């Protein structure tokens, strides 16, 4: 993760200088800031544990243009998946039965790069790649008892989306496939993220 952040910092510094020299007086858009409502559809092991579509999520991100068609940036988010079930659940040291409340909290902390088409002030589709760490909290509640484990997972998220300008503001929609590798006793996790947001440019 430190290597990713260091590389991103170097790209930001070098890109800012090149941007100012080549595009500063011709291209008004340098930064994008966005806040999004993040919806989630679990897949893989995430779906096996919490099968319901999630409406509980939020995201915040910033991107800097290093030329008129490419950005680098950082994103932070929180997605919650949960499910109520009644079954027997084996754990590492015991087996529990009864009404269960299962929770998976995802906190992605990702560096990213995006490629855009079109021009400032227009409808702009884009593709991107996010990579970094996912903090995943796995919680199982059964009556008065709760089992919880939190792990840091390396992961990545390819992305496709578009933005629609409205003066200094813009609306954006994107789809990400979030994939986190195995860590601790938590297997790899994955979900589709459907994100709807507003931003400032």
Protein backbone atom coordinates (compact mmCIF):
# COMPACT_ATOMS: atom_id res chain seq x y z
CA UNK A 1 0.00 0.00 0.00
CA UNK A 2 2.85 2.43 0.78
CA UNK A 3 4.32 1.79 -2.67
CA UNK A 4 0.96 2.52 -4.32
CA UNK A 5 0.58 5.80 -2.39
CA UNK A 6 4.18 6.85 -3.11
CA UNK A 7 3.77 6.17 -6.82
CA UNK A 8 0.49 8.07 -6.83
CA UNK A 9 2.09 11.06 -5.09
CA UNK A 10 4.90 11.16 -7.68
CA UNK A 11 2.39 11.02 -10.54
CA UNK A 12 0.40 13.85 -8.95
CA UNK A 13 3.45 16.08 -8.57
CA UNK A 14 4.86 15.43 -12.05
CA UNK A 15 1.43 15.50 -13.64
CA UNK A 16 0.55 18.81 -12.00
CA UNK A 17 3.66 20.45 -13.45
CA UNK A 18 3.04 19.08 -16.93
CA UNK A 19 -0.63 20.02 -16.74
CA UNK A 20 0.13 23.60 -15.73
CA UNK A 21 2.65 24.03 -18.53
CA UNK A 22 0.65 22.39 -21.30
CA UNK A 23 -3.02 22.89 -20.44
CA UNK A 24 -3.32 25.35 -17.57
CA UNK A 25 -4.55 28.30 -19.62
CA UNK A 26 -6.73 26.29 -22.02
CA UNK A 27 -8.40 23.60 -19.95
CA UNK A 28 -10.44 24.77 -16.91
CA UNK A 29 -11.07 21.40 -15.31
CA UNK A 30 -8.24 20.22 -13.01
CA UNK A 31 -9.95 18.48 -10.07
CA UNK A 32 -13.08 16.41 -9.56
CA UNK A 33 -14.65 15.89 -6.12
CA UNK A 34 -17.59 13.56 -5.66
CA UNK A 35 -19.99 12.15 -3.08
CA UNK A 36 -21.97 9.04 -4.00
CA UNK A 37 -24.70 6.71 -2.84
CA UNK A 38 -23.25 3.22 -3.23
CA UNK A 39 -25.51 0.23 -3.85
CA UNK A 40 -24.17 -3.31 -3.73
CA UNK A 41 -24.94 -6.71 -5.23
CA UNK A 42 -22.97 -9.51 -3.51
CA UNK A 43 -21.29 -12.28 -5.50
CA UNK A 44 -18.99 -15.22 -4.71
CA UNK A 45 -18.36 -15.84 -0.97
CA UNK A 46 -20.05 -12.55 -0.10
CA UNK A 47 -23.30 -13.82 -1.62
CA UNK A 48 -22.98 -17.12 0.28
CA UNK A 49 -22.83 -15.20 3.57
CA UNK A 50 -25.16 -12.25 2.90
CA UNK A 51 -27.41 -12.78 -0.10
CA UNK A 52 -29.44 -9.53 -0.09
CA UNK A 53 -28.98 -6.52 -2.38
CA UNK A 54 -27.64 -3.63 -0.30
CA UNK A 55 -28.90 -0.04 -0.33
CA UNK A 56 -26.51 0.97 2.44
CA UNK A 57 -23.35 2.58 1.16
CA UNK A 58 -21.57 5.87 0.70
CA UNK A 59 -18.46 6.97 -1.18
CA UNK A 60 -16.16 9.97 -1.35
CA UNK A 61 -13.41 10.56 -3.88
CA UNK A 62 -11.13 13.10 -5.48
CA UNK A 63 -9.49 12.95 -8.89
CA UNK A 64 -6.88 15.18 -10.52
CA UNK A 65 -6.46 15.56 -14.26
CA UNK A 66 -2.89 14.94 -15.37
CA UNK A 67 -3.95 15.69 -18.95
CA UNK A 68 -7.36 16.49 -20.50
CA UNK A 69 -8.37 12.82 -20.74
CA UNK A 70 -6.81 11.12 -17.70
CA UNK A 71 -7.06 11.43 -13.92
CA UNK A 72 -5.39 9.92 -10.89
CA UNK A 73 -7.02 9.99 -7.49
CA UNK A 74 -8.15 8.41 -4.25
CA UNK A 75 -11.51 7.00 -3.15
CA UNK A 76 -12.97 6.00 0.20
CA UNK A 77 -16.19 4.11 0.79
CA UNK A 78 -18.43 2.11 3.06
CA UNK A 79 -20.77 -0.70 1.96
CA UNK A 80 -22.90 -2.75 4.35
CA UNK A 81 -24.37 -6.16 3.56
CA UNK A 82 -26.58 -7.99 6.02
CA UNK A 83 -28.95 -10.93 6.20
CA UNK A 84 -31.23 -12.54 8.77
CA UNK A 85 -31.28 -16.34 8.75
CA UNK A 86 -32.00 -19.37 10.89
CA UNK A 87 -29.53 -22.23 10.50
CA UNK A 88 -26.56 -23.99 12.00
CA UNK A 89 -23.28 -22.16 11.53
CA UNK A 90 -19.92 -23.89 12.10
CA UNK A 91 -17.16 -21.62 13.37
CA UNK A 92 -13.52 -22.25 14.25
CA UNK A 93 -14.18 -23.52 17.79
CA UNK A 94 -17.92 -24.29 18.01
CA UNK A 95 -21.18 -24.70 16.14
CA UNK A 96 -24.07 -22.27 16.73
CA UNK A 97 -27.77 -22.63 15.86
CA UNK A 98 -30.64 -20.14 15.96
CA UNK A 99 -31.70 -16.84 14.43
CA UNK A 100 -28.63 -15.19 13.02
CA UNK A 101 -27.91 -11.64 11.93
CA UNK A 102 -24.99 -11.59 9.54
CA UNK A 103 -23.13 -8.40 8.68
CA UNK A 104 -20.30 -7.61 6.28
CA UNK A 105 -18.92 -4.07 6.39
CA UNK A 106 -16.58 -3.10 3.55
CA UNK A 107 -14.33 -0.04 3.83
CA UNK A 108 -12.40 0.32 0.52
CA UNK A 109 -9.42 2.70 0.52
CA UNK A 110 -8.28 2.81 -3.09
CA UNK A 111 -5.96 4.67 -5.44
CA UNK A 112 -7.23 4.95 -9.00
CA UNK A 113 -6.60 6.00 -12.58
CA UNK A 114 -9.32 6.88 -15.12
CA UNK A 115 -9.43 7.44 -18.87
CA UNK A 116 -12.09 9.83 -20.27
CA UNK A 117 -13.58 10.50 -23.68
CA UNK A 118 -15.13 13.78 -24.79
CA UNK A 119 -14.41 17.31 -23.61
CA UNK A 120 -14.96 19.55 -20.62
CA UNK A 121 -18.60 20.65 -20.32
CA UNK A 122 -19.90 17.60 -22.22
CA UNK A 123 -21.22 14.14 -21.45
CA UNK A 124 -18.08 12.08 -20.74
CA UNK A 125 -17.89 8.27 -20.52
CA UNK A 126 -14.86 6.78 -18.80
CA UNK A 127 -13.18 3.58 -17.66
CA UNK A 128 -10.94 3.14 -14.65
CA UNK A 129 -9.03 0.85 -12.34
CA UNK A 130 -8.98 1.10 -8.55
CA UNK A 131 -6.53 -0.78 -6.32
CA UNK A 132 -5.61 -0.70 -2.65
CA UNK A 133 -6.96 -2.13 0.57
CA UNK A 134 -10.37 -3.24 1.80
CA UNK A 135 -11.04 -3.29 5.53
CA UNK A 136 -13.69 -5.99 5.96
CA UNK A 137 -15.57 -6.49 9.21
CA UNK A 138 -17.36 -9.84 9.45
CA UNK A 139 -19.94 -10.00 12.27
CA UNK A 140 -22.32 -12.79 13.31
CA UNK A 141 -24.95 -12.08 15.98
CA UNK A 142 -26.83 -14.90 17.69
CA UNK A 143 -29.01 -13.92 20.66
CA UNK A 144 -26.80 -12.19 23.23
CA UNK A 145 -23.63 -13.42 21.59
CA UNK A 146 -21.63 -11.98 18.72
CA UNK A 147 -18.60 -13.20 16.78
CA UNK A 148 -16.59 -10.58 14.93
CA UNK A 149 -13.42 -10.49 12.87
CA UNK A 150 -11.80 -7.57 11.04
CA UNK A 151 -9.10 -7.98 8.39
CA UNK A 152 -7.24 -5.83 5.87
CA UNK A 153 -7.46 -7.27 2.36
CA UNK A 154 -5.62 -6.23 -0.79
CA UNK A 155 -8.09 -5.76 -3.61
CA UNK A 156 -8.95 -4.05 -6.86
CA UNK A 157 -12.01 -2.74 -8.70
CA UNK A 158 -12.29 -2.19 -12.47
CA UNK A 159 -14.84 0.51 -13.25
CA UNK A 160 -16.94 1.93 -16.08
CA UNK A 161 -19.09 5.04 -15.87
CA UNK A 162 -20.06 8.45 -17.21
CA UNK A 163 -20.45 12.01 -15.96
CA UNK A 164 -22.95 14.70 -16.94
CA UNK A 165 -22.00 18.37 -16.36
CA UNK A 166 -24.24 21.11 -14.96
CA UNK A 167 -22.10 24.23 -14.66
CA UNK A 168 -19.64 23.82 -11.81
CA UNK A 169 -21.47 20.65 -10.74
CA UNK A 170 -21.82 17.26 -12.35
CA UNK A 171 -23.74 14.06 -11.91
CA UNK A 172 -22.07 10.71 -12.35
CA UNK A 173 -22.97 7.03 -12.48
CA UNK A 174 -20.51 4.15 -12.39
CA UNK A 175 -20.32 0.41 -11.91
CA UNK A 176 -17.40 -1.25 -10.11
CA UNK A 177 -16.58 -4.89 -9.57
CA UNK A 178 -14.95 -4.97 -6.14
CA UNK A 179 -12.71 -7.96 -5.46
CA UNK A 180 -10.81 -8.43 -2.18
CA UNK A 181 -8.29 -11.24 -1.71
CA UNK A 182 -8.34 -13.67 1.21
CA UNK A 183 -7.01 -12.43 4.57
CA UNK A 184 -7.02 -14.09 8.01
CA UNK A 185 -9.88 -16.58 8.18
CA UNK A 186 -12.00 -14.47 5.79
CA UNK A 187 -12.00 -15.85 2.23
CA UNK A 188 -11.93 -13.65 -0.86
CA UNK A 189 -14.94 -11.35 -1.12
CA UNK A 190 -16.59 -9.72 -4.13
CA UNK A 191 -19.53 -7.51 -5.00
CA UNK A 192 -20.86 -5.28 -7.75
CA UNK A 193 -21.04 -1.63 -6.78
CA UNK A 194 -23.63 0.62 -8.46
CA UNK A 195 -22.74 4.20 -7.53
CA UNK A 196 -24.80 7.34 -8.14
CA UNK A 197 -23.32 10.66 -7.17
CA UNK A 198 -22.90 14.39 -7.47
CA UNK A 199 -19.60 16.22 -7.81
CA UNK A 200 -17.86 19.54 -8.08
CA UNK A 201 -15.48 20.31 -10.93
